[in-house]
């Protein structure tokens, strides 16, 4: 039980130290590692208009699904997931470099 608590604490600290706009979290053999991607992505909570202003128009957009509406915008190196008009997640799909 103590080992699991220690492991979860290390994972939580590692995730807190990560910069989500420039890194991705990997789990390798049960260990969590942060791998820099070099891909800038929108900050969580940004609006759709702010994302489009900074990153340009997406290559593709999904239609809103569910309640609250969830929409995905597809860029060449990342996908942005919106809840209503706010960024929920940005996921790097293809790292540069």
C-alpha atoms as a PDB file:
ATOM      1  CA  UNK A   1       0.000   0.000   0.000  1.00  0.00           C
ATOM      2  CA  UNK A   2       2.823   2.413   0.907  1.00  0.00           C
ATOM      3  CA  UNK A   3       4.666   1.591  -2.319  1.00  0.00           C
ATOM      4  CA  UNK A   4       1.560   2.375  -4.363  1.00  0.00           C
ATOM      5  CA  UNK A   5       1.063   5.666  -2.526  1.00  0.00           C
ATOM      6  CA  UNK A   6       4.708   6.622  -3.125  1.00  0.00           C
ATOM      7  CA  UNK A   7       4.423   5.691  -6.808  1.00  0.00           C
ATOM      8  CA  UNK A   8       1.256   7.776  -7.225  1.00  0.00           C
ATOM      9  CA  UNK A   9       2.939  10.713  -5.473  1.00  0.00           C
ATOM     10  CA  UNK A  10       5.880  10.534  -7.863  1.00  0.00           C
ATOM     11  CA  UNK A  11       3.504  10.374 -10.829  1.00  0.00           C
ATOM     12  CA  UNK A  12       1.524  13.367  -9.545  1.00  0.00           C
ATOM     13  CA  UNK A  13       4.685  15.399  -8.973  1.00  0.00           C
ATOM     14  CA  UNK A  14       5.953  14.491 -12.414  1.00  0.00           C
ATOM     15  CA  UNK A  15       2.714  15.584 -14.017  1.00  0.00           C
ATOM     16  CA  UNK A  16       2.670  18.849 -12.071  1.00  0.00           C
ATOM     17  CA  UNK A  17       6.209  19.654 -13.220  1.00  0.00           C
ATOM     18  CA  UNK A  18       5.369  18.958 -16.861  1.00  0.00           C
ATOM     19  CA  UNK A  19       4.556  21.783 -19.243  1.00  0.00           C
ATOM     20  CA  UNK A  20       1.605  20.339 -21.179  1.00  0.00           C
ATOM     21  CA  UNK A  21       1.998  22.652 -24.168  1.00  0.00           C
ATOM     22  CA  UNK A  22       5.484  21.363 -24.949  1.00  0.00           C
ATOM     23  CA  UNK A  23       5.578  17.799 -23.612  1.00  0.00           C
ATOM     24  CA  UNK A  24       3.829  14.484 -23.764  1.00  0.00           C
ATOM     25  CA  UNK A  25       3.484  11.943 -20.984  1.00  0.00           C
ATOM     26  CA  UNK A  26       4.626   8.410 -21.736  1.00  0.00           C
ATOM     27  CA  UNK A  27       4.198   5.269 -19.656  1.00  0.00           C
ATOM     28  CA  UNK A  28       7.038   2.835 -20.318  1.00  0.00           C
ATOM     29  CA  UNK A  29       7.282  -0.386 -18.303  1.00  0.00           C
ATOM     30  CA  UNK A  30       5.066   1.128 -15.612  1.00  0.00           C
ATOM     31  CA  UNK A  31       7.229   4.255 -15.318  1.00  0.00           C
ATOM     32  CA  UNK A  32       6.024   7.726 -16.260  1.00  0.00           C
ATOM     33  CA  UNK A  33       8.336   9.833 -18.407  1.00  0.00           C
ATOM     34  CA  UNK A  34       7.932  13.303 -19.879  1.00  0.00           C
ATOM     35  CA  UNK A  35       9.087  13.599 -23.475  1.00  0.00           C
ATOM     36  CA  UNK A  36       9.460  17.097 -24.964  1.00  0.00           C
ATOM     37  CA  UNK A  37       7.710  17.358 -28.324  1.00  0.00           C
ATOM     38  CA  UNK A  38       8.736  20.791 -29.577  1.00  0.00           C
ATOM     39  CA  UNK A  39       5.139  21.352 -30.706  1.00  0.00           C
ATOM     40  CA  UNK A  40       3.362  24.390 -29.290  1.00  0.00           C
ATOM     41  CA  UNK A  41      -0.305  23.737 -28.532  1.00  0.00           C
ATOM     42  CA  UNK A  42      -3.111  25.929 -27.154  1.00  0.00           C
ATOM     43  CA  UNK A  43      -3.456  26.413 -23.410  1.00  0.00           C
ATOM     44  CA  UNK A  44      -6.368  24.760 -21.608  1.00  0.00           C
ATOM     45  CA  UNK A  45      -9.248  27.229 -21.286  1.00  0.00           C
ATOM     46  CA  UNK A  46      -8.383  29.234 -24.417  1.00  0.00           C
ATOM     47  CA  UNK A  47     -11.334  30.181 -26.615  1.00  0.00           C
ATOM     48  CA  UNK A  48     -11.911  28.930 -30.147  1.00  0.00           C
ATOM     49  CA  UNK A  49     -11.341  32.430 -31.509  1.00  0.00           C
ATOM     50  CA  UNK A  50      -8.034  32.781 -29.608  1.00  0.00           C
ATOM     51  CA  UNK A  51      -6.857  29.386 -30.940  1.00  0.00           C
ATOM     52  CA  UNK A  52      -7.774  30.306 -34.504  1.00  0.00           C
ATOM     53  CA  UNK A  53      -6.105  33.701 -34.151  1.00  0.00           C
ATOM     54  CA  UNK A  54      -2.847  32.188 -32.857  1.00  0.00           C
ATOM     55  CA  UNK A  55      -2.658  28.929 -34.862  1.00  0.00           C
ATOM     56  CA  UNK A  56      -4.759  29.737 -37.923  1.00  0.00           C
ATOM     57  CA  UNK A  57      -7.709  27.829 -39.302  1.00  0.00           C
ATOM     58  CA  UNK A  58      -7.617  24.070 -38.615  1.00  0.00           C
ATOM     59  CA  UNK A  59      -7.229  21.611 -41.470  1.00  0.00           C
ATOM     60  CA  UNK A  60     -10.500  19.954 -40.387  1.00  0.00           C
ATOM     61  CA  UNK A  61     -13.215  20.339 -37.733  1.00  0.00           C
ATOM     62  CA  UNK A  62     -15.535  17.726 -36.277  1.00  0.00           C
ATOM     63  CA  UNK A  63     -19.173  18.503 -35.646  1.00  0.00           C
ATOM     64  CA  UNK A  64     -20.173  19.104 -32.007  1.00  0.00           C
ATOM     65  CA  UNK A  65     -21.162  15.889 -30.212  1.00  0.00           C
ATOM     66  CA  UNK A  66     -22.983  15.398 -26.905  1.00  0.00           C
ATOM     67  CA  UNK A  67     -23.997  17.695 -24.099  1.00  0.00           C
ATOM     68  CA  UNK A  68     -21.984  19.785 -23.375  1.00  0.00           C
ATOM     69  CA  UNK A  69     -20.907  19.898 -27.007  1.00  0.00           C
ATOM     70  CA  UNK A  70     -17.425  18.469 -27.654  1.00  0.00           C
ATOM     71  CA  UNK A  71     -15.673  19.563 -30.856  1.00  0.00           C
ATOM     72  CA  UNK A  72     -12.278  18.585 -32.277  1.00  0.00           C
ATOM     73  CA  UNK A  73     -10.079  20.773 -34.458  1.00  0.00           C
ATOM     74  CA  UNK A  74      -7.377  18.990 -36.426  1.00  0.00           C
ATOM     75  CA  UNK A  75      -4.039  20.690 -37.110  1.00  0.00           C
ATOM     76  CA  UNK A  76      -1.035  19.044 -38.843  1.00  0.00           C
ATOM     77  CA  UNK A  77       0.798  18.254 -35.572  1.00  0.00           C
ATOM     78  CA  UNK A  78      -1.936  18.296 -32.928  1.00  0.00           C
ATOM     79  CA  UNK A  79      -5.651  17.976 -32.221  1.00  0.00           C
ATOM     80  CA  UNK A  80      -7.526  20.429 -30.005  1.00  0.00           C
ATOM     81  CA  UNK A  81     -10.576  19.195 -28.072  1.00  0.00           C
ATOM     82  CA  UNK A  82     -13.091  21.873 -27.090  1.00  0.00           C
ATOM     83  CA  UNK A  83     -15.943  21.769 -24.585  1.00  0.00           C
ATOM     84  CA  UNK A  84     -18.375  24.441 -25.741  1.00  0.00           C
ATOM     85  CA  UNK A  85     -15.878  27.040 -27.023  1.00  0.00           C
ATOM     86  CA  UNK A  86     -13.039  26.427 -24.518  1.00  0.00           C
ATOM     87  CA  UNK A  87      -9.953  24.215 -24.952  1.00  0.00           C
ATOM     88  CA  UNK A  88     -10.297  21.067 -22.866  1.00  0.00           C
ATOM     89  CA  UNK A  89      -7.206  19.216 -24.197  1.00  0.00           C
ATOM     90  CA  UNK A  90      -4.599  19.564 -26.914  1.00  0.00           C
ATOM     91  CA  UNK A  91      -2.931  16.331 -28.019  1.00  0.00           C
ATOM     92  CA  UNK A  92       0.280  16.201 -30.069  1.00  0.00           C
ATOM     93  CA  UNK A  93      -0.118  13.710 -32.891  1.00  0.00           C
ATOM     94  CA  UNK A  94       3.187  14.222 -34.696  1.00  0.00           C
ATOM     95  CA  UNK A  95       6.272  15.678 -32.976  1.00  0.00           C
ATOM     96  CA  UNK A  96       8.599  17.981 -34.878  1.00  0.00           C
ATOM     97  CA  UNK A  97      12.310  17.436 -35.118  1.00  0.00           C
END
